[in-house]
């Protein structure tokens, strides 16, 4: 009976040791799961921030492109207006030359 009791006590001590080790392993695994969950949350937050930053950059580029297009259109209209003005000036100069030429011819006829 003494040997049986000692064997039971030894077995009980071994079971307690295994239980303690299992409990420690469970705590370690729980801690690691918590760390991994935190890493996943952090990665998701970083990804979201990167997407937001990228969207902001793209929006900034779109706004800049719109401004450039608007400025180009404004310059095109200004150039078109200058071209029209130059064409009018050319026509007026041609008319003035024609009138001057007609006056010279008229004066030459009168002088004869």
Foldseek 3Di string as FASTA:
>chain_A
DVVVVVVVVVVVVVVVVVVVVVVVVVVVVVVVVVVVVVVVVVVVVVVVVVVVVVVVVVVVVVVVVVVVVVVVVVVVVVVVVVVVVVVVVVVVVVVVVVVVVVVVVVVVVVVD
